[in-house]
Amino acid sequence: MYNYPLTFTFPAFTVSPQITAKDASGNVILTAAKKLLSSKDEIDVTAGGQPRFKIMSQENRITDIPSNWDVLTPDGTTLGVVDDDFLSVVDSSKFSDNRTVNRVASMAIHTTFNLKAAKMYWIKDTAGKKVGLIAPDKESLMAAQMPLYDIVRQLPIFFRFITPHYYIRLAEETVMYMEKKRTFFTDTYVLEARGKFSEQDEPLLINSVLLALVYERQRLKDLYQ
């Protein structure tokens, strides 16, 4: 298993997202790069210059919006699936026992108060069962609702100074915690191990984090540029 915490960095200026991951000793443990020209969203993960994993969307990005990604080994074996979703700032489960009523109530509250939902990512096994998730913590979700964001986000490169936090769960346990650091030229995220997970769990967890990093960084750029 890796020596935590892990540090993920993006170059400041690249045509396509590239990530370098280092362990607590400063050793490069892997690199990941999103393919620019491909019919599907693809992220190649390498270690020591050799292919290690591939993260590939199930949908064609030309005709569909990718929302499900397979985590694959070099021989094509599927380790699991990452499925994006949205997290509400309102805990509608307390309104009613009826799921439909809760959903309608949540939508009404978000529309009335102009609340913003946040992206989250389900981690699933090969059978499609939800085994974990990646989501922003409550502080990050609430901070996005502040009117100040609507003012200061118009400032140039302000997205580099937004520092959301994310928790990564297996079942009901938070096993990892990730924070975006406040940097200027290089986007940096630090991933801590906070709970118990096995060596068999680690590849799916780390690749799910890599996928979330690519899209969360782009989301911040789109929101605050």
C-alpha atoms as a PDB file:
ATOM      1  CA  MET A   1       0.000   0.000   0.000  1.00  0.00           C
ATOM      2  CA  TYR A   2       1.049   3.606  -0.486  1.00  0.00           C
ATOM      3  CA  ASN A   3       2.712   5.770   2.133  1.00  0.00           C
ATOM      4  CA  TYR A   4       0.131   8.437   3.013  1.00  0.00           C
ATOM      5  CA  PRO A   5      -0.564  11.322   2.755  1.00  0.00           C
ATOM      6  CA  LEU A   6      -0.448  11.476  -1.039  1.00  0.00           C
ATOM      7  CA  THR A   7      -0.009  14.748  -2.926  1.00  0.00           C
ATOM      8  CA  PHE A   8      -1.586  15.269  -6.351  1.00  0.00           C
ATOM      9  CA  THR A   9      -0.455  18.166  -8.520  1.00  0.00           C
ATOM     10  CA  PHE A  10      -1.627  19.580 -11.864  1.00  0.00           C
ATOM     11  CA  PRO A  11       0.636  21.715 -14.070  1.00  0.00           C
ATOM     12  CA  ALA A  12      -0.636  25.271 -14.317  1.00  0.00           C
ATOM     13  CA  PHE A  13      -0.879  25.318 -18.107  1.00  0.00           C
ATOM     14  CA  THR A  14      -1.673  22.175 -20.091  1.00  0.00           C
ATOM     15  CA  VAL A  15      -4.030  21.466 -22.959  1.00  0.00           C
ATOM     16  CA  SER A  16      -5.245  18.264 -21.300  1.00  0.00           C
ATOM     17  CA  PRO A  17      -5.348  17.489 -17.540  1.00  0.00           C
ATOM     18  CA  GLN A  18      -2.240  15.765 -16.177  1.00  0.00           C
ATOM     19  CA  ILE A  19      -1.690  14.639 -12.599  1.00  0.00           C
ATOM     20  CA  THR A  20       1.469  13.674 -10.755  1.00  0.00           C
ATOM     21  CA  ALA A  21       1.028  11.791  -7.484  1.00  0.00           C
ATOM     22  CA  LYS A  22       3.721  11.605  -4.791  1.00  0.00           C
ATOM     23  CA  ASP A  23       3.755   9.722  -1.506  1.00  0.00           C
ATOM     24  CA  ALA A  24       4.695  11.055   1.945  1.00  0.00           C
ATOM     25  CA  SER A  25       8.396  10.596   1.142  1.00  0.00           C
ATOM     26  CA  GLY A  26       8.169  12.642  -2.042  1.00  0.00           C
ATOM     27  CA  ASN A  27       8.444   9.678  -4.395  1.00  0.00           C
ATOM     28  CA  VAL A  28       6.407   9.766  -7.602  1.00  0.00           C
ATOM     29  CA  ILE A  29       4.037   6.808  -7.358  1.00  0.00           C
ATOM     30  CA  LEU A  30       1.963   7.393 -10.485  1.00  0.00           C
ATOM     31  CA  THR A  31       0.963   9.828 -13.187  1.00  0.00           C
ATOM     32  CA  ALA A  32      -2.401  10.239 -14.872  1.00  0.00           C
ATOM     33  CA  ALA A  33      -3.321  12.036 -18.080  1.00  0.00           C
ATOM     34  CA  LYS A  34      -6.642  12.564 -19.797  1.00  0.00           C
ATOM     35  CA  LYS A  35      -6.629  11.804 -23.507  1.00  0.00           C
ATOM     36  CA  LEU A  36      -7.433  14.810 -25.642  1.00  0.00           C
ATOM     37  CA  LEU A  37      -8.533  12.976 -28.801  1.00  0.00           C
ATOM     38  CA  SER A  38     -10.797  10.058 -28.035  1.00  0.00           C
ATOM     39  CA  SER A  39     -14.440   9.130 -28.622  1.00  0.00           C
ATOM     40  CA  LYS A  40     -14.709   8.337 -24.906  1.00  0.00           C
ATOM     41  CA  ASP A  41     -13.356  10.097 -21.841  1.00  0.00           C
ATOM     42  CA  GLU A  42     -10.123   8.245 -21.063  1.00  0.00           C
ATOM     43  CA  ILE A  43      -7.580   8.741 -18.302  1.00  0.00           C
ATOM     44  CA  ASP A  44      -4.393   6.690 -18.566  1.00  0.00           C
ATOM     45  CA  VAL A  45      -2.658   5.933 -15.262  1.00  0.00           C
ATOM     46  CA  THR A  46       1.004   4.918 -15.357  1.00  0.00           C
ATOM     47  CA  ALA A  47       3.633   3.975 -12.781  1.00  0.00           C
ATOM     48  CA  GLY A  48       7.326   3.888 -13.595  1.00  0.00           C
ATOM     49  CA  GLY A  49       6.483   4.570 -17.227  1.00  0.00           C
ATOM     50  CA  GLN A  50       4.320   1.445 -17.471  1.00  0.00           C
ATOM     51  CA  PRO A  51       0.526   1.297 -17.906  1.00  0.00           C
ATOM     52  CA  ARG A  52      -1.124   0.648 -14.555  1.00  0.00           C
ATOM     53  CA  PHE A  53      -4.811   1.464 -14.950  1.00  0.00           C
ATOM     54  CA  LYS A  54      -7.256   3.058 -17.370  1.00  0.00           C
ATOM     55  CA  ILE A  55     -10.363   5.024 -16.421  1.00  0.00           C
ATOM     56  CA  MET A  56     -12.827   5.045 -19.332  1.00  0.00           C
ATOM     57  CA  SER A  57     -16.337   6.415 -19.690  1.00  0.00           C
ATOM     58  CA  GLN A  58     -19.074   4.003 -20.672  1.00  0.00           C
ATOM     59  CA  GLU A  59     -20.728   6.722 -22.764  1.00  0.00           C
ATOM     60  CA  ASN A  60     -19.478   8.219 -26.010  1.00  0.00           C
ATOM     61  CA  ARG A  61     -18.537  11.808 -25.189  1.00  0.00           C
ATOM     62  CA  ILE A  62     -19.424  12.978 -28.700  1.00  0.00           C
ATOM     63  CA  THR A  63     -23.066  11.902 -28.484  1.00  0.00           C
ATOM     64  CA  ASP A  64     -23.611  11.677 -24.704  1.00  0.00           C
ATOM     65  CA  ILE A  65     -22.531  13.280 -21.450  1.00  0.00           C
ATOM     66  CA  PRO A  66     -20.210  10.832 -19.673  1.00  0.00           C
ATOM     67  CA  SER A  67     -21.524   9.908 -16.246  1.00  0.00           C
ATOM     68  CA  ASN A  68     -20.237   6.368 -15.663  1.00  0.00           C
ATOM     69  CA  TRP A  69     -16.584   5.358 -15.797  1.00  0.00           C
ATOM     70  CA  ASP A  70     -15.003   1.902 -15.676  1.00  0.00           C
ATOM     71  CA  VAL A  71     -11.762   1.458 -13.742  1.00  0.00           C
ATOM     72  CA  LEU A  72      -9.715  -1.052 -15.749  1.00  0.00           C
ATOM     73  CA  THR A  73      -6.432  -2.915 -15.354  1.00  0.00           C
ATOM     74  CA  PRO A  74      -4.032  -3.097 -18.362  1.00  0.00           C
ATOM     75  CA  ASP A  75      -5.493  -6.481 -19.350  1.00  0.00           C
ATOM     76  CA  GLY A  76      -9.013  -5.026 -19.460  1.00  0.00           C
ATOM     77  CA  THR A  77     -10.291  -6.395 -16.148  1.00  0.00           C
ATOM     78  CA  THR A  78     -12.882  -4.097 -14.548  1.00  0.00           C
ATOM     79  CA  LEU A  79     -12.176  -3.222 -10.904  1.00  0.00           C
ATOM     80  CA  GLY A  80     -15.298  -1.140 -10.428  1.00  0.00           C
ATOM     81  CA  VAL A  81     -17.363   1.759 -11.711  1.00  0.00           C
ATOM     82  CA  VAL A  82     -17.532   5.444 -10.767  1.00  0.00           C
ATOM     83  CA  ASP A  83     -20.908   7.111 -11.234  1.00  0.00           C
ATOM     84  CA  ASP A  84     -21.384  10.859 -10.817  1.00  0.00           C
ATOM     85  CA  ASP A  85     -24.364  12.363  -9.025  1.00  0.00           C
ATOM     86  CA  PHE A  86     -25.350  15.533  -7.154  1.00  0.00           C
ATOM     87  CA  LEU A  87     -25.335  16.252  -3.443  1.00  0.00           C
ATOM     88  CA  SER A  88     -27.952  18.582  -2.008  1.00  0.00           C
ATOM     89  CA  VAL A  89     -27.194  21.107   0.711  1.00  0.00           C
ATOM     90  CA  VAL A  90     -30.637  20.255   2.120  1.00  0.00           C
ATOM     91  CA  ASP A  91     -31.112  16.978   3.971  1.00  0.00           C
ATOM     92  CA  SER A  92     -34.551  16.225   2.572  1.00  0.00           C
ATOM     93  CA  SER A  93     -34.692  12.790   4.181  1.00  0.00           C
ATOM     94  CA  LYS A  94     -36.050  14.492   7.317  1.00  0.00           C
ATOM     95  CA  PHE A  95     -39.124  15.852   5.552  1.00  0.00           C
ATOM     96  CA  SER A  96     -40.952  12.622   4.829  1.00  0.00           C
ATOM     97  CA  ASP A  97     -40.593   8.876   4.470  1.00  0.00           C
ATOM     98  CA  ASN A  98     -41.657   9.231   0.843  1.00  0.00           C
ATOM     99  CA  ARG A  99     -38.676   9.515  -1.520  1.00  0.00           C
ATOM    100  CA  THR A 100     -40.614  11.363  -4.227  1.00  0.00           C
ATOM    101  CA  VAL A 101     -41.962  13.918  -1.735  1.00  0.00           C
ATOM    102  CA  ASN A 102     -38.443  14.513  -0.433  1.00  0.00           C
ATOM    103  CA  ARG A 103     -37.074  15.060  -3.930  1.00  0.00           C
ATOM    104  CA  VAL A 104     -39.812  17.551  -4.845  1.00  0.00           C
ATOM    105  CA  ALA A 105     -39.325  19.406  -1.545  1.00  0.00           C
ATOM    106  CA  SER A 106     -35.576  19.578  -2.050  1.00  0.00           C
ATOM    107  CA  MET A 107     -35.974  20.963  -5.598  1.00  0.00           C
ATOM    108  CA  ALA A 108     -38.453  23.579  -4.391  1.00  0.00           C
ATOM    109  CA  ILE A 109     -36.149  24.766  -1.596  1.00  0.00           C
ATOM    110  CA  HIS A 110     -33.135  24.951  -3.927  1.00  0.00           C
ATOM    111  CA  THR A 111     -35.107  26.971  -6.471  1.00  0.00           C
ATOM    112  CA  THR A 112     -36.601  29.331  -3.875  1.00  0.00           C
ATOM    113  CA  PHE A 113     -33.324  30.121  -2.145  1.00  0.00           C
ATOM    114  CA  ASN A 114     -31.068  29.718  -5.196  1.00  0.00           C
ATOM    115  CA  LEU A 115     -29.055  26.985  -3.511  1.00  0.00           C
ATOM    116  CA  LYS A 116     -26.338  25.145  -5.379  1.00  0.00           C
ATOM    117  CA  ALA A 117     -26.007  21.372  -5.487  1.00  0.00           C
ATOM    118  CA  ALA A 118     -22.524  19.861  -5.579  1.00  0.00           C
ATOM    119  CA  LYS A 119     -21.051  17.080  -7.649  1.00  0.00           C
ATOM    120  CA  MET A 120     -20.407  13.771  -5.916  1.00  0.00           C
ATOM    121  CA  TYR A 121     -19.173  10.395  -7.116  1.00  0.00           C
ATOM    122  CA  TRP A 122     -20.494   6.934  -6.267  1.00  0.00           C
ATOM    123  CA  ILE A 123     -17.960   4.124  -6.136  1.00  0.00           C
ATOM    124  CA  LYS A 124     -19.518   0.837  -7.304  1.00  0.00           C
ATOM    125  CA  ASP A 125     -18.348  -2.745  -7.588  1.00  0.00           C
ATOM    126  CA  THR A 126     -18.483  -4.706 -10.833  1.00  0.00           C
ATOM    127  CA  ALA A 127     -22.087  -5.747 -10.094  1.00  0.00           C
ATOM    128  CA  GLY A 128     -23.176  -2.102  -9.852  1.00  0.00           C
ATOM    129  CA  LYS A 129     -23.569  -2.104  -6.072  1.00  0.00           C
ATOM    130  CA  LYS A 130     -22.646   1.135  -4.297  1.00  0.00           C
ATOM    131  CA  VAL A 131     -19.656   0.422  -2.046  1.00  0.00           C
ATOM    132  CA  GLY A 132     -18.479   3.968  -1.347  1.00  0.00           C
ATOM    133  CA  LEU A 133     -18.534   7.596  -2.407  1.00  0.00           C
ATOM    134  CA  ILE A 134     -16.540  10.794  -2.835  1.00  0.00           C
ATOM    135  CA  ALA A 135     -18.273  14.034  -1.844  1.00  0.00           C
ATOM    136  CA  PRO A 136     -17.474  17.554  -0.587  1.00  0.00           C
ATOM    137  CA  ASP A 137     -17.772  17.957   3.175  1.00  0.00           C
ATOM    138  CA  LYS A 138     -20.497  20.095   4.782  1.00  0.00           C
ATOM    139  CA  GLU A 139     -18.269  23.144   5.207  1.00  0.00           C
ATOM    140  CA  SER A 140     -17.346  23.171   1.503  1.00  0.00           C
ATOM    141  CA  LEU A 141     -20.957  22.648   0.468  1.00  0.00           C
ATOM    142  CA  MET A 142     -22.226  25.439   2.717  1.00  0.00           C
ATOM    143  CA  ALA A 143     -19.448  27.843   1.683  1.00  0.00           C
ATOM    144  CA  ALA A 144     -20.584  27.581  -1.931  1.00  0.00           C
ATOM    145  CA  GLN A 145     -23.957  29.053  -0.897  1.00  0.00           C
ATOM    146  CA  MET A 146     -22.450  32.293   0.437  1.00  0.00           C
ATOM    147  CA  PRO A 147     -23.284  35.460  -1.558  1.00  0.00           C
ATOM    148  CA  LEU A 148     -19.608  36.424  -1.306  1.00  0.00           C
ATOM    149  CA  TYR A 149     -18.816  33.664  -3.791  1.00  0.00           C
ATOM    150  CA  ASP A 150     -20.943  35.325  -6.448  1.00  0.00           C
ATOM    151  CA  ILE A 151     -18.866  38.486  -6.101  1.00  0.00           C
ATOM    152  CA  VAL A 152     -15.304  37.286  -5.696  1.00  0.00           C
ATOM    153  CA  ARG A 153     -15.512  34.391  -8.136  1.00  0.00           C
ATOM    154  CA  GLN A 154     -15.455  36.943 -10.961  1.00  0.00           C
ATOM    155  CA  LEU A 155     -11.892  37.854 -10.077  1.00  0.00           C
ATOM    156  CA  PRO A 156      -9.198  36.453 -12.406  1.00  0.00           C
ATOM    157  CA  ILE A 157      -7.820  32.984 -11.456  1.00  0.00           C
ATOM    158  CA  PHE A 158      -9.821  33.101  -8.237  1.00  0.00           C
ATOM    159  CA  PHE A 159     -10.595  29.385  -8.587  1.00  0.00           C
ATOM    160  CA  ARG A 160      -7.001  28.621  -7.528  1.00  0.00           C
ATOM    161  CA  PHE A 161      -7.732  29.999  -4.070  1.00  0.00           C
ATOM    162  CA  ILE A 162     -10.928  28.020  -3.464  1.00  0.00           C
ATOM    163  CA  THR A 163     -10.055  25.123  -1.162  1.00  0.00           C
ATOM    164  CA  PRO A 164     -12.828  22.530  -0.983  1.00  0.00           C
ATOM    165  CA  HIS A 165     -12.496  19.404   1.148  1.00  0.00           C
ATOM    166  CA  TYR A 166     -13.750  15.951   0.224  1.00  0.00           C
ATOM    167  CA  TYR A 167     -14.415  12.782   2.178  1.00  0.00           C
ATOM    168  CA  ILE A 168     -14.024   9.328   0.666  1.00  0.00           C
ATOM    169  CA  ARG A 169     -16.110   6.553   2.195  1.00  0.00           C
ATOM    170  CA  LEU A 170     -16.286   2.800   2.042  1.00  0.00           C
ATOM    171  CA  ALA A 171     -19.699   1.706   3.271  1.00  0.00           C
ATOM    172  CA  GLU A 172     -20.406   4.130   6.150  1.00  0.00           C
ATOM    173  CA  GLU A 173     -16.778   4.763   7.142  1.00  0.00           C
ATOM    174  CA  THR A 174     -14.699   7.728   6.000  1.00  0.00           C
ATOM    175  CA  VAL A 175     -11.444   6.074   4.970  1.00  0.00           C
ATOM    176  CA  MET A 176      -9.792   9.035   3.215  1.00  0.00           C
ATOM    177  CA  TYR A 177      -9.996  12.816   3.325  1.00  0.00           C
ATOM    178  CA  MET A 178      -8.789  15.172   0.593  1.00  0.00           C
ATOM    179  CA  GLU A 179      -8.123  18.911   0.640  1.00  0.00           C
ATOM    180  CA  LYS A 180      -7.283  21.335  -2.147  1.00  0.00           C
ATOM    181  CA  LYS A 181      -4.415  23.548  -1.069  1.00  0.00           C
ATOM    182  CA  ARG A 182      -4.307  27.297  -1.654  1.00  0.00           C
ATOM    183  CA  THR A 183      -1.680  27.677  -4.376  1.00  0.00           C
ATOM    184  CA  PHE A 184      -1.018  30.010  -7.285  1.00  0.00           C
ATOM    185  CA  PHE A 185       0.769  28.269 -10.159  1.00  0.00           C
ATOM    186  CA  THR A 186       0.139  24.598  -9.400  1.00  0.00           C
ATOM    187  CA  ASP A 187      -3.157  23.077  -8.291  1.00  0.00           C
ATOM    188  CA  THR A 188      -2.385  20.801  -5.361  1.00  0.00           C
ATOM    189  CA  TYR A 189      -4.573  18.315  -3.500  1.00  0.00           C
ATOM    190  CA  VAL A 190      -3.537  16.303  -0.444  1.00  0.00           C
ATOM    191  CA  LEU A 191      -5.131  12.921   0.311  1.00  0.00           C
ATOM    192  CA  GLU A 192      -4.974  11.552   3.851  1.00  0.00           C
ATOM    193  CA  ALA A 193      -5.787   8.051   5.044  1.00  0.00           C
ATOM    194  CA  ARG A 194      -8.356   8.343   7.831  1.00  0.00           C
ATOM    195  CA  GLY A 195      -9.753   4.839   8.210  1.00  0.00           C
ATOM    196  CA  LYS A 196      -9.195   1.194   7.461  1.00  0.00           C
ATOM    197  CA  PHE A 197      -9.153  -0.133   3.917  1.00  0.00           C
ATOM    198  CA  SER A 198      -7.440  -3.129   2.383  1.00  0.00           C
ATOM    199  CA  GLU A 199      -4.763  -3.448  -0.266  1.00  0.00           C
ATOM    200  CA  GLN A 200      -7.495  -4.806  -2.541  1.00  0.00           C
ATOM    201  CA  ASP A 201      -9.651  -1.705  -1.922  1.00  0.00           C
ATOM    202  CA  GLU A 202      -6.859   0.771  -2.631  1.00  0.00           C
ATOM    203  CA  PRO A 203      -6.698   0.631  -6.481  1.00  0.00           C
ATOM    204  CA  LEU A 204     -10.417   1.365  -6.887  1.00  0.00           C
ATOM    205  CA  LEU A 205     -10.279   4.109  -4.266  1.00  0.00           C
ATOM    206  CA  ILE A 206      -7.243   5.848  -5.763  1.00  0.00           C
ATOM    207  CA  ASN A 207      -8.528   5.681  -9.336  1.00  0.00           C
ATOM    208  CA  SER A 208     -11.909   7.007  -8.209  1.00  0.00           C
ATOM    209  CA  VAL A 209     -10.074   9.907  -6.553  1.00  0.00           C
ATOM    210  CA  LEU A 210      -8.102  10.571  -9.768  1.00  0.00           C
ATOM    211  CA  LEU A 211     -11.319  10.772 -11.777  1.00  0.00           C
ATOM    212  CA  ALA A 212     -12.921  13.087  -9.218  1.00  0.00           C
ATOM    213  CA  LEU A 213      -9.817  15.308  -9.268  1.00  0.00           C
ATOM    214  CA  VAL A 214      -9.960  15.767 -13.041  1.00  0.00           C
ATOM    215  CA  TYR A 215     -13.606  16.820 -13.016  1.00  0.00           C
ATOM    216  CA  GLU A 216     -13.569  18.801  -9.761  1.00  0.00           C
ATOM    217  CA  ARG A 217     -10.643  20.896 -10.988  1.00  0.00           C
ATOM    218  CA  GLN A 218     -12.433  21.576 -14.264  1.00  0.00           C
ATOM    219  CA  ARG A 219     -15.636  22.405 -12.389  1.00  0.00           C
ATOM    220  CA  LEU A 220     -13.813  25.024 -10.319  1.00  0.00           C
ATOM    221  CA  LYS A 221     -12.297  26.542 -13.458  1.00  0.00           C
ATOM    222  CA  ASP A 222     -15.707  26.700 -15.136  1.00  0.00           C
ATOM    223  CA  LEU A 223     -17.376  28.236 -12.076  1.00  0.00           C
ATOM    224  CA  TYR A 224     -14.804  30.835 -11.139  1.00  0.00           C
ATOM    225  CA  GLN A 225     -13.256  31.932 -14.408  1.00  0.00           C
END
